[in-house]
């Protein structure tokens, strides 16, 4: 059974940084492509970025240059480093892999 768990959310001031973590268990992590999504208040869920099994990354335009995705296969973990946060980054952030989302972690950016 695959399990996906995100942690690391919280309240941060605009301009600050947070690092989110996604831990995946129950499958071969190193083979997995991994995505981050987010859903802001009153908005649809949107794609944030991805990292493939070779470590290649891609980002949505709103976060390009501010967010960085990385992975540690030895720890079955993906990271989302978020810098220069803006109020519009406020959302629940989800890890997506193996056909499923985790429960999400709330990020709130105060202006």
C-alpha atoms as a PDB file:
ATOM      1  CA  UNK A   1       0.000   0.000   0.000  1.00  0.00           C
ATOM      2  CA  UNK A   2       1.407   3.347  -1.099  1.00  0.00           C
ATOM      3  CA  UNK A   3       1.362   6.134   1.458  1.00  0.00           C
ATOM      4  CA  UNK A   4       2.144   9.799   0.726  1.00  0.00           C
ATOM      5  CA  UNK A   5       2.662  12.236   3.590  1.00  0.00           C
ATOM      6  CA  UNK A   6       3.422  15.956   3.322  1.00  0.00           C
ATOM      7  CA  UNK A   7       4.779  18.037   6.184  1.00  0.00           C
ATOM      8  CA  UNK A   8       6.423  21.386   6.731  1.00  0.00           C
ATOM      9  CA  UNK A   9       3.618  23.859   6.183  1.00  0.00           C
ATOM     10  CA  UNK A  10       2.987  26.808   8.436  1.00  0.00           C
ATOM     11  CA  UNK A  11       2.560  30.550   8.714  1.00  0.00           C
ATOM     12  CA  UNK A  12       5.254  32.769   7.241  1.00  0.00           C
ATOM     13  CA  UNK A  13       5.575  36.437   6.394  1.00  0.00           C
ATOM     14  CA  UNK A  14       5.767  37.583   2.818  1.00  0.00           C
ATOM     15  CA  UNK A  15       9.326  37.367   1.591  1.00  0.00           C
ATOM     16  CA  UNK A  16      10.081  34.449   3.871  1.00  0.00           C
ATOM     17  CA  UNK A  17      10.904  30.824   3.165  1.00  0.00           C
ATOM     18  CA  UNK A  18       9.540  27.380   3.961  1.00  0.00           C
ATOM     19  CA  UNK A  19      10.586  23.869   3.033  1.00  0.00           C
ATOM     20  CA  UNK A  20       7.949  21.218   2.506  1.00  0.00           C
ATOM     21  CA  UNK A  21       8.645  17.516   2.684  1.00  0.00           C
ATOM     22  CA  UNK A  22       6.889  14.598   1.006  1.00  0.00           C
ATOM     23  CA  UNK A  23       7.639  11.094   2.229  1.00  0.00           C
ATOM     24  CA  UNK A  24       6.475   8.154   0.130  1.00  0.00           C
ATOM     25  CA  UNK A  25       6.330   4.590   1.364  1.00  0.00           C
ATOM     26  CA  UNK A  26       5.108   1.277   0.026  1.00  0.00           C
ATOM     27  CA  UNK A  27       6.709   1.455  -3.413  1.00  0.00           C
ATOM     28  CA  UNK A  28      10.071   1.828  -5.137  1.00  0.00           C
ATOM     29  CA  UNK A  29      10.656   5.537  -4.585  1.00  0.00           C
ATOM     30  CA  UNK A  30      13.629   5.984  -6.910  1.00  0.00           C
ATOM     31  CA  UNK A  31      11.535   5.089  -9.984  1.00  0.00           C
ATOM     32  CA  UNK A  32       8.774   7.567  -9.260  1.00  0.00           C
ATOM     33  CA  UNK A  33       8.068  10.852 -10.973  1.00  0.00           C
ATOM     34  CA  UNK A  34       6.863  13.262  -8.280  1.00  0.00           C
ATOM     35  CA  UNK A  35       4.752  16.387  -8.503  1.00  0.00           C
ATOM     36  CA  UNK A  36       3.711  19.206  -6.225  1.00  0.00           C
ATOM     37  CA  UNK A  37       0.258  20.724  -6.540  1.00  0.00           C
ATOM     38  CA  UNK A  38      -1.479  23.408  -4.533  1.00  0.00           C
ATOM     39  CA  UNK A  39      -5.016  24.632  -3.950  1.00  0.00           C
ATOM     40  CA  UNK A  40      -5.575  28.159  -2.733  1.00  0.00           C
ATOM     41  CA  UNK A  41      -8.745  29.379  -1.024  1.00  0.00           C
ATOM     42  CA  UNK A  42     -11.562  29.461  -3.540  1.00  0.00           C
ATOM     43  CA  UNK A  43      -9.302  28.225  -6.322  1.00  0.00           C
ATOM     44  CA  UNK A  44      -8.890  25.026  -8.266  1.00  0.00           C
ATOM     45  CA  UNK A  45      -5.958  22.776  -7.615  1.00  0.00           C
ATOM     46  CA  UNK A  46      -2.974  23.797  -9.742  1.00  0.00           C
ATOM     47  CA  UNK A  47       0.304  22.205 -10.681  1.00  0.00           C
ATOM     48  CA  UNK A  48       3.393  23.690  -9.023  1.00  0.00           C
ATOM     49  CA  UNK A  49       6.244  21.586 -10.335  1.00  0.00           C
ATOM     50  CA  UNK A  50       7.781  18.161 -10.758  1.00  0.00           C
ATOM     51  CA  UNK A  51      10.900  16.074 -10.519  1.00  0.00           C
ATOM     52  CA  UNK A  52      11.412  12.896 -12.526  1.00  0.00           C
ATOM     53  CA  UNK A  53      13.341   9.786 -11.597  1.00  0.00           C
ATOM     54  CA  UNK A  54      16.526  11.228 -13.115  1.00  0.00           C
ATOM     55  CA  UNK A  55      16.214  14.403 -11.057  1.00  0.00           C
ATOM     56  CA  UNK A  56      15.066  16.637 -13.888  1.00  0.00           C
ATOM     57  CA  UNK A  57      12.718  19.367 -12.695  1.00  0.00           C
ATOM     58  CA  UNK A  58      10.024  21.585 -14.157  1.00  0.00           C
ATOM     59  CA  UNK A  59       8.044  24.464 -12.669  1.00  0.00           C
ATOM     60  CA  UNK A  60       4.896  26.438 -13.224  1.00  0.00           C
ATOM     61  CA  UNK A  61       5.503  30.033 -14.256  1.00  0.00           C
ATOM     62  CA  UNK A  62       4.173  31.607 -11.015  1.00  0.00           C
ATOM     63  CA  UNK A  63       6.842  29.842  -8.931  1.00  0.00           C
ATOM     64  CA  UNK A  64       9.733  29.653 -11.374  1.00  0.00           C
ATOM     65  CA  UNK A  65      12.890  31.127  -9.867  1.00  0.00           C
ATOM     66  CA  UNK A  66      11.466  31.067  -6.317  1.00  0.00           C
ATOM     67  CA  UNK A  67      10.692  27.386  -5.697  1.00  0.00           C
ATOM     68  CA  UNK A  68      13.084  24.456  -5.960  1.00  0.00           C
ATOM     69  CA  UNK A  69      12.184  20.774  -5.988  1.00  0.00           C
ATOM     70  CA  UNK A  70      14.669  18.101  -4.983  1.00  0.00           C
ATOM     71  CA  UNK A  71      14.620  14.471  -3.920  1.00  0.00           C
ATOM     72  CA  UNK A  72      16.590  12.147  -1.670  1.00  0.00           C
ATOM     73  CA  UNK A  73      16.030   8.584  -2.833  1.00  0.00           C
ATOM     74  CA  UNK A  74      17.814   7.168   0.215  1.00  0.00           C
ATOM     75  CA  UNK A  75      15.147   8.785   2.417  1.00  0.00           C
ATOM     76  CA  UNK A  76      12.163   8.228   0.098  1.00  0.00           C
ATOM     77  CA  UNK A  77      11.651  11.968   0.316  1.00  0.00           C
ATOM     78  CA  UNK A  78      10.923  14.882  -1.996  1.00  0.00           C
ATOM     79  CA  UNK A  79      11.368  18.498  -0.959  1.00  0.00           C
ATOM     80  CA  UNK A  80       9.865  21.796  -2.022  1.00  0.00           C
ATOM     81  CA  UNK A  81      12.026  24.756  -1.035  1.00  0.00           C
ATOM     82  CA  UNK A  82       9.944  27.914  -1.264  1.00  0.00           C
ATOM     83  CA  UNK A  83      11.670  31.294  -1.156  1.00  0.00           C
ATOM     84  CA  UNK A  84      10.444  34.857  -1.594  1.00  0.00           C
ATOM     85  CA  UNK A  85       6.971  33.765  -0.620  1.00  0.00           C
ATOM     86  CA  UNK A  86       3.996  35.902  -1.606  1.00  0.00           C
ATOM     87  CA  UNK A  87       0.471  36.089  -0.251  1.00  0.00           C
ATOM     88  CA  UNK A  88      -0.765  34.399  -3.409  1.00  0.00           C
ATOM     89  CA  UNK A  89       1.291  31.328  -2.498  1.00  0.00           C
ATOM     90  CA  UNK A  90      -1.146  30.691   0.353  1.00  0.00           C
ATOM     91  CA  UNK A  91      -2.606  27.248  -0.307  1.00  0.00           C
ATOM     92  CA  UNK A  92      -2.730  23.644   0.721  1.00  0.00           C
ATOM     93  CA  UNK A  93       0.225  21.945  -0.910  1.00  0.00           C
ATOM     94  CA  UNK A  94      -0.047  18.363  -2.098  1.00  0.00           C
ATOM     95  CA  UNK A  95       2.450  15.783  -3.217  1.00  0.00           C
ATOM     96  CA  UNK A  96       1.270  13.631  -6.128  1.00  0.00           C
ATOM     97  CA  UNK A  97       2.788  10.319  -7.136  1.00  0.00           C
ATOM     98  CA  UNK A  98       1.820   6.759  -7.991  1.00  0.00           C
ATOM     99  CA  UNK A  99      -1.655   7.959  -8.891  1.00  0.00           C
ATOM    100  CA  UNK A 100      -2.448   9.506  -5.541  1.00  0.00           C
ATOM    101  CA  UNK A 101      -2.249  12.674  -3.482  1.00  0.00           C
ATOM    102  CA  UNK A 102      -1.238  13.002   0.123  1.00  0.00           C
ATOM    103  CA  UNK A 103      -3.402  14.748   2.685  1.00  0.00           C
ATOM    104  CA  UNK A 104      -1.730  18.098   2.039  1.00  0.00           C
ATOM    105  CA  UNK A 105       0.000  20.661   4.221  1.00  0.00           C
ATOM    106  CA  UNK A 106      -1.236  24.216   4.736  1.00  0.00           C
ATOM    107  CA  UNK A 107       0.994  27.151   3.818  1.00  0.00           C
ATOM    108  CA  UNK A 108      -0.171  30.612   4.828  1.00  0.00           C
ATOM    109  CA  UNK A 109       1.758  33.694   3.772  1.00  0.00           C
ATOM    110  CA  UNK A 110       0.896  36.896   5.612  1.00  0.00           C
ATOM    111  CA  UNK A 111       1.383  40.218   3.889  1.00  0.00           C
END
